[in-house]
Every structure is written in structure tokens, then in C-alpha cells.
Amino acid sequence: MSDTVKQLEQALKDQPHNPLRYPQVEEYTREKDRLEGMASSPAWQSGANRGKAVQQARQIAKMVDGQICKPVQGAHKDQIAKLADEVMEQTIRPALTTREDMRRNPAGAVGRFMRVENAKPIKQAIHQWKRAQLTLEPGNEDPDLANVERFRPEKIHDTGGTSTFMANAQIPGHFAMTAKAKENWPEGMPAQGTVNSPLAQGQKKERTEAQKAALVRAQQARAAKRATL
């Protein structure tokens, strides 16, 4: 674990180890309110065990209270935000496998993922970063607030193109020209390409074979004509 990750973990020492996300808090709160309403209603109306409902409501309240993020303000909040950004940029982002490699699975991608992204220090860094995001914005309803996938790099940005074709991948995809290749494509290029393109060479060969066949037929016709004289 790097020093920055340790500092972030120390800054979050008063926060739960696995804090609840906002949608989870809302769901548990609604369930607690339902159980409390059941417990306060007459037995003939609720048709349920009111004592058990009270017990379950207390268990939910205790669990939520123990796993909900504690408020942070001022310099402490700024410190957490700064450390979280440093952990993401210095530790997590460089270790993430590119989207293309995750999707195409070229040779070596699985090994690289297991050695780097799935290594214990990176998993610890990701865990602390997620805790920080939920601590900084406990009321944020965004389901991707603590989702590391938002920061996964894309290889095509390195080449300036749009092609993700990988000949050595398990799922190679389709070949396509990158933006750089299209930029360098000569203006006014004919549909058949250059004069010596494979297509032009094939067409020339076809014409040559047709000319040879026509010459043979003409010679055979002249020979047949002489034979009848």
C-alpha cells in the first residue's frame, strides 16, 4: 500500500469500512418505516407479529447507523478530496487495463490484469477511493459515483484514431482506418486505388488472359478455313 493510500485510509478512520450508498440508505429507511408502521398498528389490522416487526426495525436502524457515512466538513473534507484525487491519478488509473483490452482480450491481457489491476495494493487503493467518494457526497444519487470504470483508459486515444481492430485478440473486431490514416489518404484517389493496386493488377491479368484466348480462337478459325480450301 502506497503512502498516499495509507494517508487516505487514515483520513477515513472514522468512516465505516463498507459504507452504504445513497439508494441503499433510502431502501433500508423505507423498509424500517414500513416495519414501524406495522408495529404501531392494531394486531387485527396488520395481521403480523408486531414484536418481530419492532425487532427487525431496530436491527435495520442499527445497521444503517453503523454503515452510513459520517459528515465531514472544512479542511478535513478538502484533505479527503485531495488524497482521493491523488490515489486515482497516481495509483489506480495507471494500473487499469484499457477498455479495448478488456473487451477484445488480446494475448497477455488476462495476465496483465491479474498482475497489476487485480493485485492487492491496487484493490486496497480502489476500496479507499470508493470510501472517499461516498464520504464526500453521501447524498449523491448517482449509481456510478464510486464506479472506477468511469476512469478506465481507452487505447484509441493514444493513436488518435477510432479503430480497435486487434489481430492477435480473442475477439479481433473489424478492421477500420484510423483518423490519421484517413487524414493522410491522397485527395482524388480513384475508386480502384493506385495503378499498381492488387485490384488493378487483377483486372490487367484478366484482360491479358482474355486477349490470349481470343488470339487462340482466331488462329483456330484461320486453320479451319485453310483446311476447307
Protein backbone atom coordinates (compact mmCIF):
# COMPACT_ATOMS: atom_id res chain seq x y z
CA MET A 1 0.00 0.00 0.00
CA SER A 2 1.44 3.36 -1.04
CA ASP A 3 1.89 6.29 1.36
CA THR A 4 -0.94 8.24 -0.28
CA VAL A 5 -3.36 5.33 0.12
CA LYS A 6 -2.33 4.98 3.77
CA GLN A 7 -2.92 8.69 4.32
CA LEU A 8 -6.37 8.42 2.75
CA GLU A 9 -7.19 5.41 4.92
CA GLN A 10 -6.12 7.38 7.99
CA ALA A 11 -8.26 10.34 6.96
CA LEU A 12 -11.25 7.98 6.68
CA LYS A 13 -10.64 6.20 10.01
CA ASP A 14 -13.95 7.48 11.46
CA GLN A 15 -15.95 6.26 8.43
CA PRO A 16 -17.49 2.78 8.07
CA HIS A 17 -15.38 0.15 6.30
CA ASN A 18 -18.12 -0.58 3.76
CA PRO A 19 -20.39 2.47 3.69
CA LEU A 20 -23.88 2.23 2.27
CA ARG A 21 -24.68 4.04 -0.95
CA TYR A 22 -27.49 6.58 -1.03
CA PRO A 23 -30.01 4.28 -2.82
CA GLN A 24 -29.31 1.58 -0.23
CA VAL A 25 -29.92 4.00 2.64
CA GLU A 26 -33.21 5.06 1.06
CA GLU A 27 -34.31 1.45 0.59
CA TYR A 28 -33.48 0.45 4.17
CA THR A 29 -35.19 3.58 5.52
CA ARG A 30 -38.39 2.75 3.65
CA GLU A 31 -38.31 -0.80 4.99
CA LYS A 32 -37.75 0.46 8.55
CA ASP A 33 -40.70 2.86 8.23
CA ARG A 34 -42.89 0.02 6.95
CA LEU A 35 -41.98 -2.20 9.88
CA GLU A 36 -42.52 0.59 12.39
CA GLY A 37 -45.92 1.31 10.85
CA MET A 38 -46.79 -2.38 11.13
CA ALA A 39 -45.68 -2.45 14.77
CA SER A 40 -47.80 0.58 15.72
CA SER A 41 -50.99 -0.70 14.09
CA PRO A 42 -53.52 -2.97 15.83
CA ALA A 43 -52.82 -6.70 15.58
CA TRP A 44 -56.15 -7.36 13.84
CA GLN A 45 -55.29 -4.73 11.21
CA SER A 46 -51.65 -5.60 10.48
CA GLY A 47 -52.14 -9.35 10.60
CA ALA A 48 -48.48 -9.81 11.55
CA ASN A 49 -46.25 -10.31 14.57
CA ARG A 50 -45.77 -6.78 15.91
CA GLY A 51 -42.99 -7.82 18.26
CA LYS A 52 -40.97 -9.28 15.40
CA ALA A 53 -41.60 -6.15 13.32
CA VAL A 54 -40.21 -3.97 16.11
CA GLN A 55 -37.13 -6.18 16.39
CA GLN A 56 -36.46 -6.06 12.63
CA ALA A 57 -36.92 -2.28 12.52
CA ARG A 58 -34.36 -1.86 15.31
CA GLN A 59 -31.89 -4.14 13.53
CA ILE A 60 -32.20 -2.13 10.31
CA ALA A 61 -31.81 1.18 12.17
CA LYS A 62 -28.68 -0.11 13.93
CA MET A 63 -27.19 -1.43 10.69
CA VAL A 64 -27.85 1.80 8.79
CA ASP A 65 -26.46 3.91 11.63
CA GLY A 66 -23.27 1.82 11.66
CA GLN A 67 -22.74 1.83 7.88
CA ILE A 68 -23.83 5.32 6.89
CA CYS A 69 -21.08 7.85 6.18
CA LYS A 70 -20.40 10.41 8.89
CA PRO A 71 -20.49 14.11 7.86
CA VAL A 72 -17.14 15.75 7.08
CA GLN A 73 -16.54 19.46 6.65
CA GLY A 74 -13.91 22.10 6.15
CA ALA A 75 -10.23 21.24 5.99
CA HIS A 76 -10.89 17.56 6.71
CA LYS A 77 -13.19 17.28 3.70
CA ASP A 78 -10.67 19.08 1.50
CA GLN A 79 -7.93 16.71 2.67
CA ILE A 80 -10.00 13.64 1.78
CA ALA A 81 -10.85 15.05 -1.66
CA LYS A 82 -7.20 15.89 -2.39
CA LEU A 83 -5.92 12.48 -1.30
CA ALA A 84 -8.66 10.68 -3.24
CA ASP A 85 -7.69 12.53 -6.43
CA GLU A 86 -4.03 11.67 -5.92
CA VAL A 87 -4.82 8.00 -5.33
CA MET A 88 -6.86 7.87 -8.52
CA GLU A 89 -4.29 9.64 -10.72
CA GLN A 90 -1.09 8.18 -9.26
CA THR A 91 -2.11 4.63 -8.28
CA ILE A 92 -5.41 3.46 -9.74
CA ARG A 93 -5.64 4.97 -13.22
CA PRO A 94 -2.14 3.81 -14.38
CA ALA A 95 -3.00 0.26 -13.26
CA LEU A 96 -6.32 -0.02 -15.08
CA THR A 97 -6.42 -2.19 -18.19
CA THR A 98 -7.69 -0.36 -21.27
CA ARG A 99 -11.29 -0.77 -22.39
CA GLU A 100 -10.13 -2.30 -25.68
CA ASP A 101 -8.02 -4.96 -23.94
CA MET A 102 -10.85 -5.77 -21.56
CA ARG A 103 -13.26 -6.17 -24.47
CA ARG A 104 -11.00 -7.81 -27.09
CA ASN A 105 -8.81 -9.89 -24.75
CA PRO A 106 -5.55 -9.86 -26.74
CA ALA A 107 -2.65 -12.12 -25.76
CA GLY A 108 -1.29 -11.15 -22.34
CA ALA A 109 -4.32 -9.08 -21.28
CA VAL A 110 -5.51 -11.55 -18.63
CA GLY A 111 -2.04 -11.95 -17.15
CA ARG A 112 -1.54 -8.20 -17.04
CA PHE A 113 -4.91 -7.73 -15.33
CA MET A 114 -4.12 -10.32 -12.67
CA ARG A 115 -0.62 -8.98 -12.02
CA VAL A 116 -1.46 -5.28 -11.97
CA GLU A 117 -5.10 -4.22 -11.70
CA ASN A 118 -6.16 -7.20 -9.59
CA ALA A 119 -3.12 -7.01 -7.30
CA LYS A 120 -3.76 -6.47 -3.59
CA PRO A 121 -2.27 -2.92 -3.39
CA ILE A 122 -4.48 -1.71 -6.26
CA LYS A 123 -7.58 -3.35 -4.79
CA GLN A 124 -6.83 -1.63 -1.47
CA ALA A 125 -6.42 1.70 -3.25
CA ILE A 126 -9.73 1.25 -5.10
CA HIS A 127 -11.51 0.38 -1.85
CA GLN A 128 -10.24 3.51 -0.08
CA TRP A 129 -11.08 5.67 -3.10
CA LYS A 130 -14.65 4.36 -3.10
CA ARG A 131 -14.98 5.08 0.63
CA ALA A 132 -13.80 8.60 -0.03
CA GLN A 133 -16.35 9.22 -2.79
CA LEU A 134 -19.24 8.03 -0.62
CA THR A 135 -17.96 10.10 2.31
CA LEU A 136 -17.60 13.29 0.28
CA GLU A 137 -21.06 13.02 -1.32
CA PRO A 138 -23.28 10.88 0.92
CA GLY A 139 -26.49 12.28 -0.65
CA ASN A 140 -25.44 11.80 -4.27
CA GLU A 141 -27.96 9.58 -6.09
CA ASP A 142 -25.61 8.80 -8.99
CA PRO A 143 -25.23 4.98 -9.09
CA ASP A 144 -21.75 5.42 -10.67
CA LEU A 145 -20.45 7.81 -8.01
CA ALA A 146 -17.92 5.23 -6.74
CA ASN A 147 -17.54 3.34 -10.01
CA VAL A 148 -13.89 3.06 -11.12
CA GLU A 149 -14.99 2.14 -14.66
CA ARG A 150 -15.55 5.84 -15.33
CA PHE A 151 -11.77 6.28 -15.30
CA ARG A 152 -10.75 3.23 -17.35
CA PRO A 153 -8.46 4.48 -20.19
CA GLU A 154 -9.02 3.91 -23.90
CA LYS A 155 -6.18 2.82 -26.15
CA ILE A 156 -7.57 4.57 -29.24
CA HIS A 157 -6.79 7.93 -27.65
CA ASP A 158 -3.10 7.07 -27.85
CA THR A 159 -3.25 6.57 -31.62
CA GLY A 160 -5.60 9.40 -32.42
CA GLY A 161 -7.89 7.05 -34.32
CA THR A 162 -11.09 5.12 -33.98
CA SER A 163 -10.00 1.61 -34.91
CA THR A 164 -9.95 -1.08 -32.22
CA PHE A 165 -9.02 -3.98 -34.51
CA MET A 166 -6.61 -6.43 -32.84
CA ALA A 167 -5.38 -9.29 -35.00
CA ASN A 168 -3.99 -11.25 -32.02
CA ALA A 169 -7.08 -10.86 -29.81
CA GLN A 170 -9.69 -13.44 -28.90
CA ILE A 171 -12.30 -11.04 -30.30
CA PRO A 172 -10.34 -9.16 -33.00
CA GLY A 173 -13.19 -6.96 -34.18
CA HIS A 174 -13.39 -5.33 -37.59
CA PHE A 175 -10.62 -3.52 -39.42
CA ALA A 176 -11.16 0.20 -39.91
CA MET A 177 -8.99 3.15 -40.89
CA THR A 178 -7.92 5.46 -38.10
CA ALA A 179 -8.49 9.18 -38.29
CA LYS A 180 -4.76 9.65 -39.01
CA ALA A 181 -4.89 7.24 -41.95
CA LYS A 182 -7.92 8.99 -43.40
CA GLU A 183 -6.17 12.33 -42.96
CA ASN A 184 -3.18 11.10 -44.99
CA TRP A 185 -5.29 9.44 -47.71
CA PRO A 186 -4.47 11.21 -51.01
CA GLU A 187 -7.09 13.53 -52.42
CA GLY A 188 -8.72 12.45 -55.67
CA MET A 189 -7.75 8.81 -55.19
CA PRO A 190 -9.63 6.74 -57.83
CA ALA A 191 -12.08 4.10 -56.68
CA GLN A 192 -9.73 1.28 -57.75
CA GLY A 193 -6.85 2.77 -55.77
CA THR A 194 -3.38 3.23 -57.22
CA VAL A 195 -2.27 2.00 -60.66
CA ASN A 196 -0.38 -0.94 -59.17
CA SER A 197 -3.02 -1.86 -56.62
CA PRO A 198 -3.98 -5.55 -56.27
CA LEU A 199 -7.33 -4.77 -57.87
CA ALA A 200 -5.73 -3.07 -60.88
CA GLN A 201 -3.25 -5.93 -61.27
CA GLY A 202 -6.03 -8.49 -61.18
CA GLN A 203 -8.06 -6.64 -63.78
CA LYS A 204 -4.99 -6.35 -66.04
CA LYS A 205 -4.35 -10.09 -65.72
CA GLU A 206 -7.95 -10.84 -66.64
CA ARG A 207 -7.64 -8.68 -69.78
CA THR A 208 -4.40 -10.42 -70.77
CA GLU A 209 -5.95 -13.88 -70.40
CA ALA A 210 -8.97 -12.81 -72.44
CA GLN A 211 -6.72 -11.45 -75.20
CA LYS A 212 -4.76 -14.72 -75.32
CA ALA A 213 -7.96 -16.73 -75.56
CA ALA A 214 -9.24 -14.52 -78.41
CA LEU A 215 -5.94 -14.94 -80.31
CA VAL A 216 -6.13 -18.73 -79.95
CA ARG A 217 -9.69 -18.77 -81.25
CA ALA A 218 -8.69 -16.60 -84.24
CA GLN A 219 -5.78 -18.89 -85.09
CA GLN A 220 -8.02 -21.94 -84.87
CA ALA A 221 -10.59 -20.28 -87.14
CA ARG A 222 -7.95 -19.47 -89.80
CA ALA A 223 -6.58 -23.02 -89.69
CA ALA A 224 -10.05 -24.45 -90.09
CA LYS A 225 -10.69 -22.15 -93.08
CA ARG A 226 -7.45 -23.20 -94.82
CA ALA A 227 -8.32 -26.87 -94.30
CA THR A 228 -11.56 -26.48 -96.27
CA LEU A 229 -9.84 -24.87 -99.30
